[in-house]
Amino acid sequence: MKKIITFFSLVSLIVSIASAQPDTTDLLGLVGEPEVVHGHAIATFKGTRLINFHTLEVPGERTLDFRIAHRFGAFNSGGYNFWGLDGGASIRLSLEYSYDGRLNIGIGRSNTGKTFDGFAKYRLIRQGDHSNPPISVTLFSGIYATSIKDEDDGLLNVNKYADFSNRLSFCHQIMIGRKFNDRFSLQLAPTLVHVNLAEEADTKNDAFILAGAARYKVTQRMAITAEYGLRVSDYSTDKYYDSFGIGIDIETGGHVFQMHLTNSFGLTENQFYTRTTDSWGDKGIRLGFNISRVFTI
């Protein structure tokens, strides 16, 4: 009960700060949220990630973004586990940096699978003023390495990770989005996830996903968000579900607090796009949050 009270007290404090905070540098290293800067529509999304999914945004020039992502256990774990708040959490810490406001590189570490990850994003096309060009396009590539021990090592006398390449997986995306007006933004991202080692004999190495993300701004410093990853290829006979999340963004100057509900436990693309084992229908929903703080370097 103390965790619940503490958590919602923190949310209330952040909301009150957001309401009183004057316009200052935001998550992307920009001032306020004008519609157009240097002929380009800006702040299509208010951060480099929405809930789990990457957005087409990159940090501003010479901006370092430190991020903390946290997911509690599932609601259907029951009252004894306080509906997921008592344990079984996933956590990821990451750093993202952009020197020129177009190329973004990042590194991260999550406890799920003891995974190290790195990625690069590049803003290929920026939506322009008067809809010329009418869309923004950002390219993304990520690499993931699990450092977990092979559970069979020493039992069957076989180590599936003896070859380091078996620990690796990859994700590639083309993120296409548009800011339709000062309130509504939409993004679609054809996605390929590749794993070097298919864990089961009937599992394919490649999975194709169509990822969608949307943001609707309700106040000056608050927005409703949603994302959905449609698995368009049959890559495994195991029971997995599409990743789906809804949330709210709360801006507090250089901070953005993102609170949400999602059925995905993993925090990297190779996990939540292809290995989501819980469904909303079975109350496999998790309370989660992201916190971001930017620094100009």
Protein backbone atom coordinates (compact mmCIF):
# COMPACT_ATOMS: atom_id res chain seq x y z
CA MET A 1 0.00 0.00 0.00
CA LYS A 2 2.89 2.33 0.75
CA LYS A 3 4.18 1.82 -2.81
CA ILE A 4 0.81 2.80 -4.27
CA ILE A 5 0.58 5.94 -2.13
CA THR A 6 4.17 6.93 -2.90
CA PHE A 7 3.72 6.37 -6.63
CA PHE A 8 0.55 8.40 -7.00
CA SER A 9 1.91 11.12 -4.71
CA LEU A 10 4.83 11.43 -7.11
CA VAL A 11 2.46 11.66 -10.09
CA SER A 12 0.40 14.37 -8.33
CA LEU A 13 3.55 16.36 -7.59
CA ILE A 14 4.69 16.15 -11.22
CA VAL A 15 1.27 17.24 -12.50
CA SER A 16 1.25 20.24 -10.16
CA ILE A 17 4.76 21.23 -11.27
CA ALA A 18 3.77 20.84 -14.92
CA SER A 19 0.78 23.14 -14.43
CA ALA A 20 2.90 25.88 -12.89
CA GLN A 21 6.06 25.47 -14.98
CA PRO A 22 6.78 28.22 -17.53
CA ASP A 23 7.89 27.27 -21.05
CA THR A 24 11.56 26.20 -20.94
CA THR A 25 13.80 23.81 -22.83
CA ASP A 26 11.88 20.61 -23.58
CA LEU A 27 12.91 16.98 -23.98
CA LEU A 28 14.19 17.48 -27.51
CA GLY A 29 16.32 20.49 -26.66
CA LEU A 30 13.83 22.97 -28.14
CA VAL A 31 12.27 26.05 -26.57
CA GLY A 32 8.54 25.82 -25.96
CA GLU A 33 6.59 24.12 -28.75
CA PRO A 34 6.18 26.38 -31.79
CA GLU A 35 4.63 24.84 -34.87
CA VAL A 36 7.59 25.55 -37.15
CA VAL A 37 11.32 26.11 -36.61
CA HIS A 38 13.62 26.88 -39.57
CA GLY A 39 10.86 25.84 -41.97
CA HIS A 40 10.24 22.45 -40.29
CA ALA A 41 7.31 21.25 -38.21
CA ILE A 42 8.66 20.23 -34.79
CA ALA A 43 7.60 18.19 -31.76
CA THR A 44 5.63 15.66 -33.77
CA PHE A 45 6.14 13.65 -30.60
CA LYS A 46 7.49 15.01 -27.33
CA GLY A 47 10.20 12.40 -26.89
CA THR A 48 12.38 9.88 -28.64
CA ARG A 49 10.11 7.10 -27.33
CA LEU A 50 6.35 7.03 -26.91
CA ILE A 51 5.71 4.14 -24.50
CA ASN A 52 7.93 1.27 -25.63
CA PHE A 53 8.29 2.20 -29.29
CA HIS A 54 10.80 4.64 -30.73
CA THR A 55 9.38 7.76 -32.34
CA LEU A 56 10.79 9.60 -35.35
CA GLU A 57 12.19 12.28 -33.02
CA VAL A 58 15.86 12.66 -32.11
CA PRO A 59 17.34 14.90 -29.40
CA GLY A 60 18.23 18.47 -30.35
CA GLU A 61 21.71 19.65 -31.26
CA ARG A 62 24.38 18.61 -28.73
CA THR A 63 21.72 17.12 -26.46
CA LEU A 64 22.21 14.14 -24.15
CA ASP A 65 19.06 12.31 -23.02
CA PHE A 66 19.22 10.12 -19.90
CA ARG A 67 16.23 7.78 -19.67
CA ILE A 68 14.81 5.39 -17.07
CA ALA A 69 12.09 2.91 -18.11
CA HIS A 70 10.26 0.77 -15.55
CA ARG A 71 7.48 -1.82 -15.86
CA PHE A 72 5.79 -3.46 -12.87
CA GLY A 73 4.38 -6.99 -12.85
CA ALA A 74 1.10 -7.93 -14.51
CA PHE A 75 -2.30 -7.14 -12.99
CA ASN A 76 -3.31 -10.81 -13.27
CA SER A 77 -0.57 -11.83 -10.83
CA GLY A 78 -3.24 -11.33 -8.18
CA GLY A 79 -3.79 -9.61 -4.87
CA TYR A 80 -0.99 -11.49 -3.10
CA ASN A 81 1.47 -9.80 -5.48
CA PHE A 82 -0.53 -6.56 -5.14
CA TRP A 83 -1.52 -6.81 -8.79
CA GLY A 84 2.04 -6.61 -10.02
CA LEU A 85 3.45 -3.87 -7.78
CA ASP A 86 5.25 -6.20 -5.35
CA GLY A 87 7.85 -7.44 -7.76
CA GLY A 88 8.81 -8.91 -11.07
CA ALA A 89 9.68 -5.51 -12.56
CA SER A 90 11.67 -4.80 -15.72
CA ILE A 91 14.04 -1.82 -15.79
CA ARG A 92 16.14 -0.19 -18.50
CA LEU A 93 18.67 2.64 -18.19
CA SER A 94 19.91 4.39 -21.31
CA LEU A 95 21.82 7.33 -22.74
CA GLU A 96 21.02 8.93 -26.11
CA TYR A 97 23.00 11.69 -27.80
CA SER A 98 22.76 13.82 -30.91
CA TYR A 99 25.41 16.30 -32.02
CA ASP A 100 23.60 17.78 -35.01
CA GLY A 101 19.94 17.15 -34.23
CA ARG A 102 19.62 14.56 -37.01
CA LEU A 103 21.86 11.59 -36.15
CA ASN A 104 21.05 9.99 -32.81
CA ILE A 105 23.08 7.22 -31.15
CA GLY A 106 22.21 5.43 -27.93
CA ILE A 107 23.17 2.66 -25.54
CA GLY A 108 21.15 0.89 -22.87
CA ARG A 109 21.00 -1.95 -20.38
CA SER A 110 17.85 -3.81 -19.27
CA ASN A 111 17.47 -6.54 -16.67
CA THR A 112 15.18 -8.61 -18.90
CA GLY A 113 17.50 -11.13 -20.51
CA LYS A 114 20.39 -9.12 -19.02
CA THR A 115 20.40 -7.28 -22.33
CA PHE A 116 22.84 -4.66 -23.59
CA ASP A 117 21.65 -2.66 -26.59
CA GLY A 118 22.87 0.01 -28.95
CA PHE A 119 21.13 1.88 -31.76
CA ALA A 120 21.39 4.62 -34.35
CA LYS A 121 18.61 6.84 -35.72
CA TYR A 122 18.79 9.32 -38.58
CA ARG A 123 16.22 11.93 -39.56
CA LEU A 124 16.18 11.49 -43.31
CA ILE A 125 13.24 13.79 -44.09
CA ARG A 126 11.66 16.49 -41.94
CA GLN A 127 8.06 17.56 -42.38
CA GLY A 128 8.08 21.10 -43.70
CA ASP A 129 6.02 24.21 -43.25
CA HIS A 130 2.83 24.26 -45.38
CA SER A 131 3.14 20.44 -45.70
CA ASN A 132 6.16 20.50 -48.01
CA PRO A 133 7.34 17.81 -47.58
CA PRO A 134 4.15 16.42 -45.98
CA ILE A 135 5.81 13.77 -43.81
CA SER A 136 8.87 13.07 -41.69
CA VAL A 137 10.98 9.93 -42.19
CA THR A 138 13.49 8.56 -39.68
CA LEU A 139 15.63 5.43 -40.11
CA PHE A 140 16.43 3.19 -37.14
CA SER A 141 18.75 0.22 -36.56
CA GLY A 142 19.34 -1.50 -33.22
CA ILE A 143 21.55 -4.34 -31.98
CA TYR A 144 20.91 -6.38 -28.83
CA ALA A 145 23.16 -8.77 -26.90
CA THR A 146 21.97 -10.97 -24.06
CA SER A 147 24.51 -11.69 -21.33
CA ILE A 148 22.37 -14.32 -19.61
CA LYS A 149 23.88 -17.73 -18.89
CA ASP A 150 22.67 -20.76 -20.81
CA GLU A 151 20.36 -22.62 -18.44
CA ASP A 152 21.34 -25.95 -20.06
CA ASP A 153 25.07 -25.34 -19.71
CA GLY A 154 26.41 -28.08 -17.45
CA LEU A 155 23.25 -30.20 -17.71
CA LEU A 156 23.31 -31.29 -21.35
CA ASN A 157 26.96 -30.33 -21.67
CA VAL A 158 26.01 -27.95 -24.48
CA ASN A 159 26.30 -24.17 -24.36
CA LYS A 160 24.11 -22.54 -26.99
CA TYR A 161 25.97 -19.27 -26.41
CA ALA A 162 29.42 -20.73 -27.04
CA ASP A 163 29.31 -18.76 -30.29
CA PHE A 164 28.88 -15.10 -29.26
CA SER A 165 26.88 -14.34 -32.41
CA ASN A 166 24.08 -16.51 -31.00
CA ARG A 167 23.55 -13.85 -28.35
CA LEU A 168 22.79 -11.18 -30.92
CA SER A 169 19.56 -9.91 -32.44
CA PHE A 170 18.70 -6.87 -34.55
CA CYS A 171 15.87 -4.50 -35.40
CA HIS A 172 15.47 -2.21 -38.44
CA GLN A 173 12.69 0.33 -38.95
CA ILE A 174 11.52 3.04 -41.31
CA MET A 175 9.47 5.48 -39.23
CA ILE A 176 7.05 7.58 -41.27
CA GLY A 177 5.01 10.22 -39.46
CA ARG A 178 3.08 13.44 -39.72
CA LYS A 179 2.05 16.18 -37.34
CA PHE A 180 -1.44 16.95 -38.63
CA ASN A 181 -1.98 19.96 -36.37
CA ASP A 182 -0.83 21.30 -33.00
CA ARG A 183 -2.69 18.47 -31.22
CA PHE A 184 -2.57 15.25 -33.27
CA SER A 185 0.42 13.27 -34.58
CA LEU A 186 0.59 9.82 -36.18
CA GLN A 187 3.45 7.47 -37.07
CA LEU A 188 3.72 4.14 -38.91
CA ALA A 189 6.87 2.04 -38.95
CA PRO A 190 7.47 -1.10 -41.05
CA THR A 191 9.76 -3.18 -38.83
CA LEU A 192 12.05 -6.19 -39.20
CA VAL A 193 13.34 -8.07 -36.15
CA HIS A 194 16.08 -10.67 -36.75
CA VAL A 195 17.47 -13.10 -34.16
CA ASN A 196 20.65 -15.03 -34.94
CA LEU A 197 19.60 -17.98 -32.81
CA ALA A 198 16.02 -19.25 -33.11
CA GLU A 199 15.27 -20.73 -29.69
CA GLU A 200 12.86 -23.39 -30.97
CA ALA A 201 13.08 -25.60 -34.03
CA ASP A 202 9.82 -24.23 -35.47
CA THR A 203 10.71 -20.57 -34.85
CA LYS A 204 11.89 -18.39 -37.73
CA ASN A 205 14.81 -15.99 -37.47
CA ASP A 206 12.90 -13.04 -38.96
CA ALA A 207 9.70 -11.34 -37.83
CA PHE A 208 7.88 -8.50 -39.60
CA ILE A 209 5.83 -5.97 -37.65
CA LEU A 210 3.85 -2.88 -38.60
CA ALA A 211 4.17 -0.51 -35.65
CA GLY A 212 1.78 2.40 -35.15
CA ALA A 213 2.03 5.29 -32.69
CA ALA A 214 -0.23 8.28 -31.99
CA ARG A 215 -0.22 11.33 -29.74
CA TYR A 216 -3.05 13.71 -28.91
CA LYS A 217 -2.27 16.84 -26.95
CA VAL A 218 -4.98 17.70 -24.41
CA THR A 219 -3.32 20.61 -22.55
CA GLN A 220 -0.18 22.69 -22.95
CA ARG A 221 1.86 20.11 -21.02
CA MET A 222 -0.17 16.92 -21.21
CA ALA A 223 -0.88 14.45 -24.02
CA ILE A 224 -2.57 11.07 -24.48
CA THR A 225 -0.50 8.45 -26.30
CA ALA A 226 -1.07 5.00 -27.81
CA GLU A 227 1.00 2.42 -29.70
CA TYR A 228 0.33 -0.93 -31.34
CA GLY A 229 2.68 -3.45 -32.98
CA LEU A 230 0.87 -5.67 -35.50
CA ARG A 231 2.80 -8.90 -36.13
CA VAL A 232 2.27 -9.49 -39.85
CA SER A 233 4.39 -12.64 -40.18
CA ASP A 234 3.92 -16.09 -38.65
CA TYR A 235 7.36 -16.57 -37.11
CA SER A 236 6.57 -18.90 -34.18
CA THR A 237 4.01 -21.52 -33.13
CA ASP A 238 4.35 -20.35 -29.51
CA LYS A 239 1.63 -18.08 -28.20
CA TYR A 240 2.67 -14.44 -28.40
CA TYR A 241 0.59 -11.26 -28.59
CA ASP A 242 0.79 -7.90 -30.30
CA SER A 243 2.36 -5.22 -28.14
CA PHE A 244 -0.20 -2.57 -27.17
CA GLY A 245 0.06 0.36 -24.80
CA ILE A 246 -1.81 3.52 -23.83
CA GLY A 247 -0.41 6.32 -21.74
CA ILE A 248 -0.08 9.95 -20.81
CA ASP A 249 2.86 12.34 -21.25
CA ILE A 250 3.45 14.98 -18.60
CA GLU A 251 6.01 17.69 -19.41
CA THR A 252 7.92 19.53 -16.69
CA GLY A 253 10.49 21.68 -18.41
CA GLY A 254 13.59 19.55 -19.07
CA HIS A 255 11.77 16.47 -17.79
CA VAL A 256 9.09 14.39 -19.47
CA PHE A 257 7.25 11.85 -17.30
CA GLN A 258 5.43 9.15 -19.28
CA MET A 259 2.97 6.95 -17.39
CA HIS A 260 1.23 4.09 -19.18
CA LEU A 261 -0.37 0.65 -19.30
CA THR A 262 1.10 -2.02 -21.56
CA ASN A 263 0.97 -5.78 -22.02
CA SER A 264 4.70 -5.98 -22.83
CA PHE A 265 7.31 -6.80 -20.18
CA GLY A 266 10.50 -6.48 -22.23
CA LEU A 267 11.96 -3.05 -22.93
CA THR A 268 13.92 -3.63 -26.14
CA GLU A 269 12.59 -4.08 -29.67
CA ASN A 270 13.62 -7.74 -29.92
CA GLN A 271 11.55 -8.40 -26.78
CA PHE A 272 8.33 -6.38 -26.94
CA TYR A 273 7.70 -6.71 -30.69
CA THR A 274 8.11 -10.51 -30.85
CA ARG A 275 8.05 -11.90 -27.28
CA THR A 276 5.02 -10.33 -25.60
CA THR A 277 3.48 -13.23 -23.67
CA ASP A 278 0.57 -11.42 -21.98
CA SER A 279 -2.68 -10.12 -23.42
CA TRP A 280 -5.04 -7.34 -22.42
CA GLY A 281 -7.92 -9.81 -22.56
CA ASP A 282 -6.37 -11.89 -19.77
CA LYS A 283 -5.51 -8.78 -17.71
CA GLY A 284 -1.84 -9.25 -18.52
CA ILE A 285 -1.45 -5.49 -18.23
CA ARG A 286 1.44 -3.71 -16.53
CA LEU A 287 1.68 -0.27 -15.03
CA GLY A 288 4.85 1.44 -16.21
CA PHE A 289 6.61 4.76 -16.55
CA ASN A 290 9.48 6.42 -18.40
CA ILE A 291 11.45 9.38 -17.08
CA SER A 292 13.69 11.47 -19.31
CA ARG A 293 16.16 14.23 -18.48
CA VAL A 294 18.12 16.14 -21.11
CA PHE A 295 21.43 17.94 -20.87
CA THR A 296 23.10 20.27 -23.36
CA ILE A 297 26.72 19.21 -24.01
